[in-house]
PDBML (XML) file of the C-alpha atoms, coordinates in Angstrom:
<?xml version="1.0" encoding="UTF-8" ?>
<PDBx:datablock datablockName="MODEL"
   xmlns:PDBx="http://pdbml.pdb.org/schema/pdbx-v50.xsd"
   xmlns:xsi="http://www.w3.org/2001/XMLSchema-instance"
   xsi:schemaLocation="http://pdbml.pdb.org/schema/pdbx-v50.xsd pdbx-v50.xsd">
   <PDBx:atom_siteCategory>
      <PDBx:atom_site id="1">
         <PDBx:B_iso_or_equiv>0.00</PDBx:B_iso_or_equiv>
         <PDBx:Cartn_x>27.119</PDBx:Cartn_x>
         <PDBx:Cartn_y>155.321</PDBx:Cartn_y>
         <PDBx:Cartn_z>236.708</PDBx:Cartn_z>
         <PDBx:auth_asym_id>A</PDBx:auth_asym_id>
         <PDBx:auth_atom_id>CA</PDBx:auth_atom_id>
         <PDBx:auth_comp_id>THR</PDBx:auth_comp_id>
         <PDBx:auth_seq_id>1</PDBx:auth_seq_id>
         <PDBx:group_PDB>ATOM</PDBx:group_PDB>
         <PDBx:label_alt_id xsi:nil="true" />
         <PDBx:label_asym_id>A</PDBx:label_asym_id>
         <PDBx:label_atom_id>CA</PDBx:label_atom_id>
         <PDBx:label_comp_id>THR</PDBx:label_comp_id>
         <PDBx:label_entity_id>1</PDBx:label_entity_id>
         <PDBx:label_seq_id>1</PDBx:label_seq_id>
         <PDBx:occupancy>1.00</PDBx:occupancy>
         <PDBx:pdbx_PDB_model_num>1</PDBx:pdbx_PDB_model_num>
         <PDBx:type_symbol>C</PDBx:type_symbol>
      </PDBx:atom_site>
      <PDBx:atom_site id="2">
         <PDBx:B_iso_or_equiv>0.00</PDBx:B_iso_or_equiv>
         <PDBx:Cartn_x>30.887</PDBx:Cartn_x>
         <PDBx:Cartn_y>155.320</PDBx:Cartn_y>
         <PDBx:Cartn_z>236.329</PDBx:Cartn_z>
         <PDBx:auth_asym_id>A</PDBx:auth_asym_id>
         <PDBx:auth_atom_id>CA</PDBx:auth_atom_id>
         <PDBx:auth_comp_id>ASN</PDBx:auth_comp_id>
         <PDBx:auth_seq_id>2</PDBx:auth_seq_id>
         <PDBx:group_PDB>ATOM</PDBx:group_PDB>
         <PDBx:label_alt_id xsi:nil="true" />
         <PDBx:label_asym_id>A</PDBx:label_asym_id>
         <PDBx:label_atom_id>CA</PDBx:label_atom_id>
         <PDBx:label_comp_id>ASN</PDBx:label_comp_id>
         <PDBx:label_entity_id>1</PDBx:label_entity_id>
         <PDBx:label_seq_id>2</PDBx:label_seq_id>
         <PDBx:occupancy>1.00</PDBx:occupancy>
         <PDBx:pdbx_PDB_model_num>1</PDBx:pdbx_PDB_model_num>
         <PDBx:type_symbol>C</PDBx:type_symbol>
      </PDBx:atom_site>
      <PDBx:atom_site id="3">
         <PDBx:B_iso_or_equiv>0.00</PDBx:B_iso_or_equiv>
         <PDBx:Cartn_x>32.255</PDBx:Cartn_x>
         <PDBx:Cartn_y>158.795</PDBx:Cartn_y>
         <PDBx:Cartn_z>236.866</PDBx:Cartn_z>
         <PDBx:auth_asym_id>A</PDBx:auth_asym_id>
         <PDBx:auth_atom_id>CA</PDBx:auth_atom_id>
         <PDBx:auth_comp_id>GLY</PDBx:auth_comp_id>
         <PDBx:auth_seq_id>3</PDBx:auth_seq_id>
         <PDBx:group_PDB>ATOM</PDBx:group_PDB>
         <PDBx:label_alt_id xsi:nil="true" />
         <PDBx:label_asym_id>A</PDBx:label_asym_id>
         <PDBx:label_atom_id>CA</PDBx:label_atom_id>
         <PDBx:label_comp_id>GLY</PDBx:label_comp_id>
         <PDBx:label_entity_id>1</PDBx:label_entity_id>
         <PDBx:label_seq_id>3</PDBx:label_seq_id>
         <PDBx:occupancy>1.00</PDBx:occupancy>
         <PDBx:pdbx_PDB_model_num>1</PDBx:pdbx_PDB_model_num>
         <PDBx:type_symbol>C</PDBx:type_symbol>
      </PDBx:atom_site>
      <PDBx:atom_site id="4">
         <PDBx:B_iso_or_equiv>0.00</PDBx:B_iso_or_equiv>
         <PDBx:Cartn_x>30.177</PDBx:Cartn_x>
         <PDBx:Cartn_y>160.827</PDBx:Cartn_y>
         <PDBx:Cartn_z>234.422</PDBx:Cartn_z>
         <PDBx:auth_asym_id>A</PDBx:auth_asym_id>
         <PDBx:auth_atom_id>CA</PDBx:auth_atom_id>
         <PDBx:auth_comp_id>PHE</PDBx:auth_comp_id>
         <PDBx:auth_seq_id>4</PDBx:auth_seq_id>
         <PDBx:group_PDB>ATOM</PDBx:group_PDB>
         <PDBx:label_alt_id xsi:nil="true" />
         <PDBx:label_asym_id>A</PDBx:label_asym_id>
         <PDBx:label_atom_id>CA</PDBx:label_atom_id>
         <PDBx:label_comp_id>PHE</PDBx:label_comp_id>
         <PDBx:label_entity_id>1</PDBx:label_entity_id>
         <PDBx:label_seq_id>4</PDBx:label_seq_id>
         <PDBx:occupancy>1.00</PDBx:occupancy>
         <PDBx:pdbx_PDB_model_num>1</PDBx:pdbx_PDB_model_num>
         <PDBx:type_symbol>C</PDBx:type_symbol>
      </PDBx:atom_site>
      <PDBx:atom_site id="5">
         <PDBx:B_iso_or_equiv>0.00</PDBx:B_iso_or_equiv>
         <PDBx:Cartn_x>29.236</PDBx:Cartn_x>
         <PDBx:Cartn_y>157.876</PDBx:Cartn_y>
         <PDBx:Cartn_z>232.215</PDBx:Cartn_z>
         <PDBx:auth_asym_id>A</PDBx:auth_asym_id>
         <PDBx:auth_atom_id>CA</PDBx:auth_atom_id>
         <PDBx:auth_comp_id>ALA</PDBx:auth_comp_id>
         <PDBx:auth_seq_id>5</PDBx:auth_seq_id>
         <PDBx:group_PDB>ATOM</PDBx:group_PDB>
         <PDBx:label_alt_id xsi:nil="true" />
         <PDBx:label_asym_id>A</PDBx:label_asym_id>
         <PDBx:label_atom_id>CA</PDBx:label_atom_id>
         <PDBx:label_comp_id>ALA</PDBx:label_comp_id>
         <PDBx:label_entity_id>1</PDBx:label_entity_id>
         <PDBx:label_seq_id>5</PDBx:label_seq_id>
         <PDBx:occupancy>1.00</PDBx:occupancy>
         <PDBx:pdbx_PDB_model_num>1</PDBx:pdbx_PDB_model_num>
         <PDBx:type_symbol>C</PDBx:type_symbol>
      </PDBx:atom_site>
      <PDBx:atom_site id="6">
         <PDBx:B_iso_or_equiv>0.00</PDBx:B_iso_or_equiv>
         <PDBx:Cartn_x>26.001</PDBx:Cartn_x>
         <PDBx:Cartn_y>155.939</PDBx:Cartn_y>
         <PDBx:Cartn_z>232.576</PDBx:Cartn_z>
         <PDBx:auth_asym_id>A</PDBx:auth_asym_id>
         <PDBx:auth_atom_id>CA</PDBx:auth_atom_id>
         <PDBx:auth_comp_id>SER</PDBx:auth_comp_id>
         <PDBx:auth_seq_id>6</PDBx:auth_seq_id>
         <PDBx:group_PDB>ATOM</PDBx:group_PDB>
         <PDBx:label_alt_id xsi:nil="true" />
         <PDBx:label_asym_id>A</PDBx:label_asym_id>
         <PDBx:label_atom_id>CA</PDBx:label_atom_id>
         <PDBx:label_comp_id>SER</PDBx:label_comp_id>
         <PDBx:label_entity_id>1</PDBx:label_entity_id>
         <PDBx:label_seq_id>6</PDBx:label_seq_id>
         <PDBx:occupancy>1.00</PDBx:occupancy>
         <PDBx:pdbx_PDB_model_num>1</PDBx:pdbx_PDB_model_num>
         <PDBx:type_symbol>C</PDBx:type_symbol>
      </PDBx:atom_site>
      <PDBx:atom_site id="7">
         <PDBx:B_iso_or_equiv>0.00</PDBx:B_iso_or_equiv>
         <PDBx:Cartn_x>25.818</PDBx:Cartn_x>
         <PDBx:Cartn_y>152.149</PDBx:Cartn_y>
         <PDBx:Cartn_z>232.348</PDBx:Cartn_z>
         <PDBx:auth_asym_id>A</PDBx:auth_asym_id>
         <PDBx:auth_atom_id>CA</PDBx:auth_atom_id>
         <PDBx:auth_comp_id>ASP</PDBx:auth_comp_id>
         <PDBx:auth_seq_id>7</PDBx:auth_seq_id>
         <PDBx:group_PDB>ATOM</PDBx:group_PDB>
         <PDBx:label_alt_id xsi:nil="true" />
         <PDBx:label_asym_id>A</PDBx:label_asym_id>
         <PDBx:label_atom_id>CA</PDBx:label_atom_id>
         <PDBx:label_comp_id>ASP</PDBx:label_comp_id>
         <PDBx:label_entity_id>1</PDBx:label_entity_id>
         <PDBx:label_seq_id>7</PDBx:label_seq_id>
         <PDBx:occupancy>1.00</PDBx:occupancy>
         <PDBx:pdbx_PDB_model_num>1</PDBx:pdbx_PDB_model_num>
         <PDBx:type_symbol>C</PDBx:type_symbol>
      </PDBx:atom_site>
      <PDBx:atom_site id="8">
         <PDBx:B_iso_or_equiv>0.00</PDBx:B_iso_or_equiv>
         <PDBx:Cartn_x>23.597</PDBx:Cartn_x>
         <PDBx:Cartn_y>151.241</PDBx:Cartn_y>
         <PDBx:Cartn_z>229.370</PDBx:Cartn_z>
         <PDBx:auth_asym_id>A</PDBx:auth_asym_id>
         <PDBx:auth_atom_id>CA</PDBx:auth_atom_id>
         <PDBx:auth_comp_id>PRO</PDBx:auth_comp_id>
         <PDBx:auth_seq_id>8</PDBx:auth_seq_id>
         <PDBx:group_PDB>ATOM</PDBx:group_PDB>
         <PDBx:label_alt_id xsi:nil="true" />
         <PDBx:label_asym_id>A</PDBx:label_asym_id>
         <PDBx:label_atom_id>CA</PDBx:label_atom_id>
         <PDBx:label_comp_id>PRO</PDBx:label_comp_id>
         <PDBx:label_entity_id>1</PDBx:label_entity_id>
         <PDBx:label_seq_id>8</PDBx:label_seq_id>
         <PDBx:occupancy>1.00</PDBx:occupancy>
         <PDBx:pdbx_PDB_model_num>1</PDBx:pdbx_PDB_model_num>
         <PDBx:type_symbol>C</PDBx:type_symbol>
      </PDBx:atom_site>
      <PDBx:atom_site id="9">
         <PDBx:B_iso_or_equiv>0.00</PDBx:B_iso_or_equiv>
         <PDBx:Cartn_x>22.508</PDBx:Cartn_x>
         <PDBx:Cartn_y>147.993</PDBx:Cartn_y>
         <PDBx:Cartn_z>231.037</PDBx:Cartn_z>
         <PDBx:auth_asym_id>A</PDBx:auth_asym_id>
         <PDBx:auth_atom_id>CA</PDBx:auth_atom_id>
         <PDBx:auth_comp_id>SER</PDBx:auth_comp_id>
         <PDBx:auth_seq_id>9</PDBx:auth_seq_id>
         <PDBx:group_PDB>ATOM</PDBx:group_PDB>
         <PDBx:label_alt_id xsi:nil="true" />
         <PDBx:label_asym_id>A</PDBx:label_asym_id>
         <PDBx:label_atom_id>CA</PDBx:label_atom_id>
         <PDBx:label_comp_id>SER</PDBx:label_comp_id>
         <PDBx:label_entity_id>1</PDBx:label_entity_id>
         <PDBx:label_seq_id>9</PDBx:label_seq_id>
         <PDBx:occupancy>1.00</PDBx:occupancy>
         <PDBx:pdbx_PDB_model_num>1</PDBx:pdbx_PDB_model_num>
         <PDBx:type_symbol>C</PDBx:type_symbol>
      </PDBx:atom_site>
      <PDBx:atom_site id="10">
         <PDBx:B_iso_or_equiv>0.00</PDBx:B_iso_or_equiv>
         <PDBx:Cartn_x>21.268</PDBx:Cartn_x>
         <PDBx:Cartn_y>149.594</PDBx:Cartn_y>
         <PDBx:Cartn_z>234.245</PDBx:Cartn_z>
         <PDBx:auth_asym_id>A</PDBx:auth_asym_id>
         <PDBx:auth_atom_id>CA</PDBx:auth_atom_id>
         <PDBx:auth_comp_id>PHE</PDBx:auth_comp_id>
         <PDBx:auth_seq_id>10</PDBx:auth_seq_id>
         <PDBx:group_PDB>ATOM</PDBx:group_PDB>
         <PDBx:label_alt_id xsi:nil="true" />
         <PDBx:label_asym_id>A</PDBx:label_asym_id>
         <PDBx:label_atom_id>CA</PDBx:label_atom_id>
         <PDBx:label_comp_id>PHE</PDBx:label_comp_id>
         <PDBx:label_entity_id>1</PDBx:label_entity_id>
         <PDBx:label_seq_id>10</PDBx:label_seq_id>
         <PDBx:occupancy>1.00</PDBx:occupancy>
         <PDBx:pdbx_PDB_model_num>1</PDBx:pdbx_PDB_model_num>
         <PDBx:type_symbol>C</PDBx:type_symbol>
      </PDBx:atom_site>
      <PDBx:atom_site id="11">
         <PDBx:B_iso_or_equiv>0.00</PDBx:B_iso_or_equiv>
         <PDBx:Cartn_x>17.602</PDBx:Cartn_x>
         <PDBx:Cartn_y>150.102</PDBx:Cartn_y>
         <PDBx:Cartn_z>233.377</PDBx:Cartn_z>
         <PDBx:auth_asym_id>A</PDBx:auth_asym_id>
         <PDBx:auth_atom_id>CA</PDBx:auth_atom_id>
         <PDBx:auth_comp_id>ALA</PDBx:auth_comp_id>
         <PDBx:auth_seq_id>11</PDBx:auth_seq_id>
         <PDBx:group_PDB>ATOM</PDBx:group_PDB>
         <PDBx:label_alt_id xsi:nil="true" />
         <PDBx:label_asym_id>A</PDBx:label_asym_id>
         <PDBx:label_atom_id>CA</PDBx:label_atom_id>
         <PDBx:label_comp_id>ALA</PDBx:label_comp_id>
         <PDBx:label_entity_id>1</PDBx:label_entity_id>
         <PDBx:label_seq_id>11</PDBx:label_seq_id>
         <PDBx:occupancy>1.00</PDBx:occupancy>
         <PDBx:pdbx_PDB_model_num>1</PDBx:pdbx_PDB_model_num>
         <PDBx:type_symbol>C</PDBx:type_symbol>
      </PDBx:atom_site>
      <PDBx:atom_site id="12">
         <PDBx:B_iso_or_equiv>0.00</PDBx:B_iso_or_equiv>
         <PDBx:Cartn_x>17.092</PDBx:Cartn_x>
         <PDBx:Cartn_y>146.573</PDBx:Cartn_y>
         <PDBx:Cartn_z>232.051</PDBx:Cartn_z>
         <PDBx:auth_asym_id>A</PDBx:auth_asym_id>
         <PDBx:auth_atom_id>CA</PDBx:auth_atom_id>
         <PDBx:auth_comp_id>ARG</PDBx:auth_comp_id>
         <PDBx:auth_seq_id>12</PDBx:auth_seq_id>
         <PDBx:group_PDB>ATOM</PDBx:group_PDB>
         <PDBx:label_alt_id xsi:nil="true" />
         <PDBx:label_asym_id>A</PDBx:label_asym_id>
         <PDBx:label_atom_id>CA</PDBx:label_atom_id>
         <PDBx:label_comp_id>ARG</PDBx:label_comp_id>
         <PDBx:label_entity_id>1</PDBx:label_entity_id>
         <PDBx:label_seq_id>12</PDBx:label_seq_id>
         <PDBx:occupancy>1.00</PDBx:occupancy>
         <PDBx:pdbx_PDB_model_num>1</PDBx:pdbx_PDB_model_num>
         <PDBx:type_symbol>C</PDBx:type_symbol>
      </PDBx:atom_site>
      <PDBx:atom_site id="13">
         <PDBx:B_iso_or_equiv>0.00</PDBx:B_iso_or_equiv>
         <PDBx:Cartn_x>18.976</PDBx:Cartn_x>
         <PDBx:Cartn_y>145.084</PDBx:Cartn_y>
         <PDBx:Cartn_z>235.004</PDBx:Cartn_z>
         <PDBx:auth_asym_id>A</PDBx:auth_asym_id>
         <PDBx:auth_atom_id>CA</PDBx:auth_atom_id>
         <PDBx:auth_comp_id>ASN</PDBx:auth_comp_id>
         <PDBx:auth_seq_id>13</PDBx:auth_seq_id>
         <PDBx:group_PDB>ATOM</PDBx:group_PDB>
         <PDBx:label_alt_id xsi:nil="true" />
         <PDBx:label_asym_id>A</PDBx:label_asym_id>
         <PDBx:label_atom_id>CA</PDBx:label_atom_id>
         <PDBx:label_comp_id>ASN</PDBx:label_comp_id>
         <PDBx:label_entity_id>1</PDBx:label_entity_id>
         <PDBx:label_seq_id>13</PDBx:label_seq_id>
         <PDBx:occupancy>1.00</PDBx:occupancy>
         <PDBx:pdbx_PDB_model_num>1</PDBx:pdbx_PDB_model_num>
         <PDBx:type_symbol>C</PDBx:type_symbol>
      </PDBx:atom_site>
      <PDBx:atom_site id="14">
         <PDBx:B_iso_or_equiv>0.00</PDBx:B_iso_or_equiv>
         <PDBx:Cartn_x>16.716</PDBx:Cartn_x>
         <PDBx:Cartn_y>146.941</PDBx:Cartn_y>
         <PDBx:Cartn_z>237.425</PDBx:Cartn_z>
         <PDBx:auth_asym_id>A</PDBx:auth_asym_id>
         <PDBx:auth_atom_id>CA</PDBx:auth_atom_id>
         <PDBx:auth_comp_id>ARG</PDBx:auth_comp_id>
         <PDBx:auth_seq_id>14</PDBx:auth_seq_id>
         <PDBx:group_PDB>ATOM</PDBx:group_PDB>
         <PDBx:label_alt_id xsi:nil="true" />
         <PDBx:label_asym_id>A</PDBx:label_asym_id>
         <PDBx:label_atom_id>CA</PDBx:label_atom_id>
         <PDBx:label_comp_id>ARG</PDBx:label_comp_id>
         <PDBx:label_entity_id>1</PDBx:label_entity_id>
         <PDBx:label_seq_id>14</PDBx:label_seq_id>
         <PDBx:occupancy>1.00</PDBx:occupancy>
         <PDBx:pdbx_PDB_model_num>1</PDBx:pdbx_PDB_model_num>
         <PDBx:type_symbol>C</PDBx:type_symbol>
      </PDBx:atom_site>
      <PDBx:atom_site id="15">
         <PDBx:B_iso_or_equiv>0.00</PDBx:B_iso_or_equiv>
         <PDBx:Cartn_x>13.549</PDBx:Cartn_x>
         <PDBx:Cartn_y>145.842</PDBx:Cartn_y>
         <PDBx:Cartn_z>235.657</PDBx:Cartn_z>
         <PDBx:auth_asym_id>A</PDBx:auth_asym_id>
         <PDBx:auth_atom_id>CA</PDBx:auth_atom_id>
         <PDBx:auth_comp_id>VAL</PDBx:auth_comp_id>
         <PDBx:auth_seq_id>15</PDBx:auth_seq_id>
         <PDBx:group_PDB>ATOM</PDBx:group_PDB>
         <PDBx:label_alt_id xsi:nil="true" />
         <PDBx:label_asym_id>A</PDBx:label_asym_id>
         <PDBx:label_atom_id>CA</PDBx:label_atom_id>
         <PDBx:label_comp_id>VAL</PDBx:label_comp_id>
         <PDBx:label_entity_id>1</PDBx:label_entity_id>
         <PDBx:label_seq_id>15</PDBx:label_seq_id>
         <PDBx:occupancy>1.00</PDBx:occupancy>
         <PDBx:pdbx_PDB_model_num>1</PDBx:pdbx_PDB_model_num>
         <PDBx:type_symbol>C</PDBx:type_symbol>
      </PDBx:atom_site>
      <PDBx:atom_site id="16">
         <PDBx:B_iso_or_equiv>0.00</PDBx:B_iso_or_equiv>
         <PDBx:Cartn_x>14.719</PDBx:Cartn_x>
         <PDBx:Cartn_y>142.252</PDBx:Cartn_y>
         <PDBx:Cartn_z>235.285</PDBx:Cartn_z>
         <PDBx:auth_asym_id>A</PDBx:auth_asym_id>
         <PDBx:auth_atom_id>CA</PDBx:auth_atom_id>
         <PDBx:auth_comp_id>GLY</PDBx:auth_comp_id>
         <PDBx:auth_seq_id>16</PDBx:auth_seq_id>
         <PDBx:group_PDB>ATOM</PDBx:group_PDB>
         <PDBx:label_alt_id xsi:nil="true" />
         <PDBx:label_asym_id>A</PDBx:label_asym_id>
         <PDBx:label_atom_id>CA</PDBx:label_atom_id>
         <PDBx:label_comp_id>GLY</PDBx:label_comp_id>
         <PDBx:label_entity_id>1</PDBx:label_entity_id>
         <PDBx:label_seq_id>16</PDBx:label_seq_id>
         <PDBx:occupancy>1.00</PDBx:occupancy>
         <PDBx:pdbx_PDB_model_num>1</PDBx:pdbx_PDB_model_num>
         <PDBx:type_symbol>C</PDBx:type_symbol>
      </PDBx:atom_site>
      <PDBx:atom_site id="17">
         <PDBx:B_iso_or_equiv>0.00</PDBx:B_iso_or_equiv>
         <PDBx:Cartn_x>16.016</PDBx:Cartn_x>
         <PDBx:Cartn_y>141.827</PDBx:Cartn_y>
         <PDBx:Cartn_z>238.815</PDBx:Cartn_z>
         <PDBx:auth_asym_id>A</PDBx:auth_asym_id>
         <PDBx:auth_atom_id>CA</PDBx:auth_atom_id>
         <PDBx:auth_comp_id>ALA</PDBx:auth_comp_id>
         <PDBx:auth_seq_id>17</PDBx:auth_seq_id>
         <PDBx:group_PDB>ATOM</PDBx:group_PDB>
         <PDBx:label_alt_id xsi:nil="true" />
         <PDBx:label_asym_id>A</PDBx:label_asym_id>
         <PDBx:label_atom_id>CA</PDBx:label_atom_id>
         <PDBx:label_comp_id>ALA</PDBx:label_comp_id>
         <PDBx:label_entity_id>1</PDBx:label_entity_id>
         <PDBx:label_seq_id>17</PDBx:label_seq_id>
         <PDBx:occupancy>1.00</PDBx:occupancy>
         <PDBx:pdbx_PDB_model_num>1</PDBx:pdbx_PDB_model_num>
         <PDBx:type_symbol>C</PDBx:type_symbol>
      </PDBx:atom_site>
      <PDBx:atom_site id="18">
         <PDBx:B_iso_or_equiv>0.00</PDBx:B_iso_or_equiv>
         <PDBx:Cartn_x>12.939</PDBx:Cartn_x>
         <PDBx:Cartn_y>143.299</PDBx:Cartn_y>
         <PDBx:Cartn_z>240.464</PDBx:Cartn_z>
         <PDBx:auth_asym_id>A</PDBx:auth_asym_id>
         <PDBx:auth_atom_id>CA</PDBx:auth_atom_id>
         <PDBx:auth_comp_id>LYS</PDBx:auth_comp_id>
         <PDBx:auth_seq_id>18</PDBx:auth_seq_id>
         <PDBx:group_PDB>ATOM</PDBx:group_PDB>
         <PDBx:label_alt_id xsi:nil="true" />
         <PDBx:label_asym_id>A</PDBx:label_asym_id>
         <PDBx:label_atom_id>CA</PDBx:label_atom_id>
         <PDBx:label_comp_id>LYS</PDBx:label_comp_id>
         <PDBx:label_entity_id>1</PDBx:label_entity_id>
         <PDBx:label_seq_id>18</PDBx:label_seq_id>
         <PDBx:occupancy>1.00</PDBx:occupancy>
         <PDBx:pdbx_PDB_model_num>1</PDBx:pdbx_PDB_model_num>
         <PDBx:type_symbol>C</PDBx:type_symbol>
      </PDBx:atom_site>
      <PDBx:atom_site id="19">
         <PDBx:B_iso_or_equiv>0.00</PDBx:B_iso_or_equiv>
         <PDBx:Cartn_x>10.556</PDBx:Cartn_x>
         <PDBx:Cartn_y>141.351</PDBx:Cartn_y>
         <PDBx:Cartn_z>238.223</PDBx:Cartn_z>
         <PDBx:auth_asym_id>A</PDBx:auth_asym_id>
         <PDBx:auth_atom_id>CA</PDBx:auth_atom_id>
         <PDBx:auth_comp_id>ALA</PDBx:auth_comp_id>
         <PDBx:auth_seq_id>19</PDBx:auth_seq_id>
         <PDBx:group_PDB>ATOM</PDBx:group_PDB>
         <PDBx:label_alt_id xsi:nil="true" />
         <PDBx:label_asym_id>A</PDBx:label_asym_id>
         <PDBx:label_atom_id>CA</PDBx:label_atom_id>
         <PDBx:label_comp_id>ALA</PDBx:label_comp_id>
         <PDBx:label_entity_id>1</PDBx:label_entity_id>
         <PDBx:label_seq_id>19</PDBx:label_seq_id>
         <PDBx:occupancy>1.00</PDBx:occupancy>
         <PDBx:pdbx_PDB_model_num>1</PDBx:pdbx_PDB_model_num>
         <PDBx:type_symbol>C</PDBx:type_symbol>
      </PDBx:atom_site>
      <PDBx:atom_site id="20">
         <PDBx:B_iso_or_equiv>0.00</PDBx:B_iso_or_equiv>
         <PDBx:Cartn_x>12.343</PDBx:Cartn_x>
         <PDBx:Cartn_y>138.188</PDBx:Cartn_y>
         <PDBx:Cartn_z>239.333</PDBx:Cartn_z>
         <PDBx:auth_asym_id>A</PDBx:auth_asym_id>
         <PDBx:auth_atom_id>CA</PDBx:auth_atom_id>
         <PDBx:auth_comp_id>ALA</PDBx:auth_comp_id>
         <PDBx:auth_seq_id>20</PDBx:auth_seq_id>
         <PDBx:group_PDB>ATOM</PDBx:group_PDB>
         <PDBx:label_alt_id xsi:nil="true" />
         <PDBx:label_asym_id>A</PDBx:label_asym_id>
         <PDBx:label_atom_id>CA</PDBx:label_atom_id>
         <PDBx:label_comp_id>ALA</PDBx:label_comp_id>
         <PDBx:label_entity_id>1</PDBx:label_entity_id>
         <PDBx:label_seq_id>20</PDBx:label_seq_id>
         <PDBx:occupancy>1.00</PDBx:occupancy>
         <PDBx:pdbx_PDB_model_num>1</PDBx:pdbx_PDB_model_num>
         <PDBx:type_symbol>C</PDBx:type_symbol>
      </PDBx:atom_site>
      <PDBx:atom_site id="21">
         <PDBx:B_iso_or_equiv>0.00</PDBx:B_iso_or_equiv>
         <PDBx:Cartn_x>11.809</PDBx:Cartn_x>
         <PDBx:Cartn_y>139.124</PDBx:Cartn_y>
         <PDBx:Cartn_z>242.971</PDBx:Cartn_z>
         <PDBx:auth_asym_id>A</PDBx:auth_asym_id>
         <PDBx:auth_atom_id>CA</PDBx:auth_atom_id>
         <PDBx:auth_comp_id>GLY</PDBx:auth_comp_id>
         <PDBx:auth_seq_id>21</PDBx:auth_seq_id>
         <PDBx:group_PDB>ATOM</PDBx:group_PDB>
         <PDBx:label_alt_id xsi:nil="true" />
         <PDBx:label_asym_id>A</PDBx:label_asym_id>
         <PDBx:label_atom_id>CA</PDBx:label_atom_id>
         <PDBx:label_comp_id>GLY</PDBx:label_comp_id>
         <PDBx:label_entity_id>1</PDBx:label_entity_id>
         <PDBx:label_seq_id>21</PDBx:label_seq_id>
         <PDBx:occupancy>1.00</PDBx:occupancy>
         <PDBx:pdbx_PDB_model_num>1</PDBx:pdbx_PDB_model_num>
         <PDBx:type_symbol>C</PDBx:type_symbol>
      </PDBx:atom_site>
      <PDBx:atom_site id="22">
         <PDBx:B_iso_or_equiv>0.00</PDBx:B_iso_or_equiv>
         <PDBx:Cartn_x>15.344</PDBx:Cartn_x>
         <PDBx:Cartn_y>140.181</PDBx:Cartn_y>
         <PDBx:Cartn_z>243.875</PDBx:Cartn_z>
         <PDBx:auth_asym_id>A</PDBx:auth_asym_id>
         <PDBx:auth_atom_id>CA</PDBx:auth_atom_id>
         <PDBx:auth_comp_id>LEU</PDBx:auth_comp_id>
         <PDBx:auth_seq_id>22</PDBx:auth_seq_id>
         <PDBx:group_PDB>ATOM</PDBx:group_PDB>
         <PDBx:label_alt_id xsi:nil="true" />
         <PDBx:label_asym_id>A</PDBx:label_asym_id>
         <PDBx:label_atom_id>CA</PDBx:label_atom_id>
         <PDBx:label_comp_id>LEU</PDBx:label_comp_id>
         <PDBx:label_entity_id>1</PDBx:label_entity_id>
         <PDBx:label_seq_id>22</PDBx:label_seq_id>
         <PDBx:occupancy>1.00</PDBx:occupancy>
         <PDBx:pdbx_PDB_model_num>1</PDBx:pdbx_PDB_model_num>
         <PDBx:type_symbol>C</PDBx:type_symbol>
      </PDBx:atom_site>
      <PDBx:atom_site id="23">
         <PDBx:B_iso_or_equiv>0.00</PDBx:B_iso_or_equiv>
         <PDBx:Cartn_x>16.044</PDBx:Cartn_x>
         <PDBx:Cartn_y>143.120</PDBx:Cartn_y>
         <PDBx:Cartn_z>246.171</PDBx:Cartn_z>
         <PDBx:auth_asym_id>A</PDBx:auth_asym_id>
         <PDBx:auth_atom_id>CA</PDBx:auth_atom_id>
         <PDBx:auth_comp_id>ALA</PDBx:auth_comp_id>
         <PDBx:auth_seq_id>23</PDBx:auth_seq_id>
         <PDBx:group_PDB>ATOM</PDBx:group_PDB>
         <PDBx:label_alt_id xsi:nil="true" />
         <PDBx:label_asym_id>A</PDBx:label_asym_id>
         <PDBx:label_atom_id>CA</PDBx:label_atom_id>
         <PDBx:label_comp_id>ALA</PDBx:label_comp_id>
         <PDBx:label_entity_id>1</PDBx:label_entity_id>
         <PDBx:label_seq_id>23</PDBx:label_seq_id>
         <PDBx:occupancy>1.00</PDBx:occupancy>
         <PDBx:pdbx_PDB_model_num>1</PDBx:pdbx_PDB_model_num>
         <PDBx:type_symbol>C</PDBx:type_symbol>
      </PDBx:atom_site>
      <PDBx:atom_site id="24">
         <PDBx:B_iso_or_equiv>0.00</PDBx:B_iso_or_equiv>
         <PDBx:Cartn_x>17.822</PDBx:Cartn_x>
         <PDBx:Cartn_y>145.695</PDBx:Cartn_y>
         <PDBx:Cartn_z>244.006</PDBx:Cartn_z>
         <PDBx:auth_asym_id>A</PDBx:auth_asym_id>
         <PDBx:auth_atom_id>CA</PDBx:auth_atom_id>
         <PDBx:auth_comp_id>PHE</PDBx:auth_comp_id>
         <PDBx:auth_seq_id>24</PDBx:auth_seq_id>
         <PDBx:group_PDB>ATOM</PDBx:group_PDB>
         <PDBx:label_alt_id xsi:nil="true" />
         <PDBx:label_asym_id>A</PDBx:label_asym_id>
         <PDBx:label_atom_id>CA</PDBx:label_atom_id>
         <PDBx:label_comp_id>PHE</PDBx:label_comp_id>
         <PDBx:label_entity_id>1</PDBx:label_entity_id>
         <PDBx:label_seq_id>24</PDBx:label_seq_id>
         <PDBx:occupancy>1.00</PDBx:occupancy>
         <PDBx:pdbx_PDB_model_num>1</PDBx:pdbx_PDB_model_num>
         <PDBx:type_symbol>C</PDBx:type_symbol>
      </PDBx:atom_site>
      <PDBx:atom_site id="25">
         <PDBx:B_iso_or_equiv>0.00</PDBx:B_iso_or_equiv>
         <PDBx:Cartn_x>20.273</PDBx:Cartn_x>
         <PDBx:Cartn_y>148.520</PDBx:Cartn_y>
         <PDBx:Cartn_z>244.525</PDBx:Cartn_z>
         <PDBx:auth_asym_id>A</PDBx:auth_asym_id>
         <PDBx:auth_atom_id>CA</PDBx:auth_atom_id>
         <PDBx:auth_comp_id>GLY</PDBx:auth_comp_id>
         <PDBx:auth_seq_id>25</PDBx:auth_seq_id>
         <PDBx:group_PDB>ATOM</PDBx:group_PDB>
         <PDBx:label_alt_id xsi:nil="true" />
         <PDBx:label_asym_id>A</PDBx:label_asym_id>
         <PDBx:label_atom_id>CA</PDBx:label_atom_id>
         <PDBx:label_comp_id>GLY</PDBx:label_comp_id>
         <PDBx:label_entity_id>1</PDBx:label_entity_id>
         <PDBx:label_seq_id>25</PDBx:label_seq_id>
         <PDBx:occupancy>1.00</PDBx:occupancy>
         <PDBx:pdbx_PDB_model_num>1</PDBx:pdbx_PDB_model_num>
         <PDBx:type_symbol>C</PDBx:type_symbol>
      </PDBx:atom_site>
   </PDBx:atom_siteCategory>
</PDBx:datablock>
């Protein structure tokens, strides 16, 4: 999130990073 806007790439970044074995935050 950025203020009161959500980042449209967040969900896919979470899924992709964790599927690749990266710790994610």
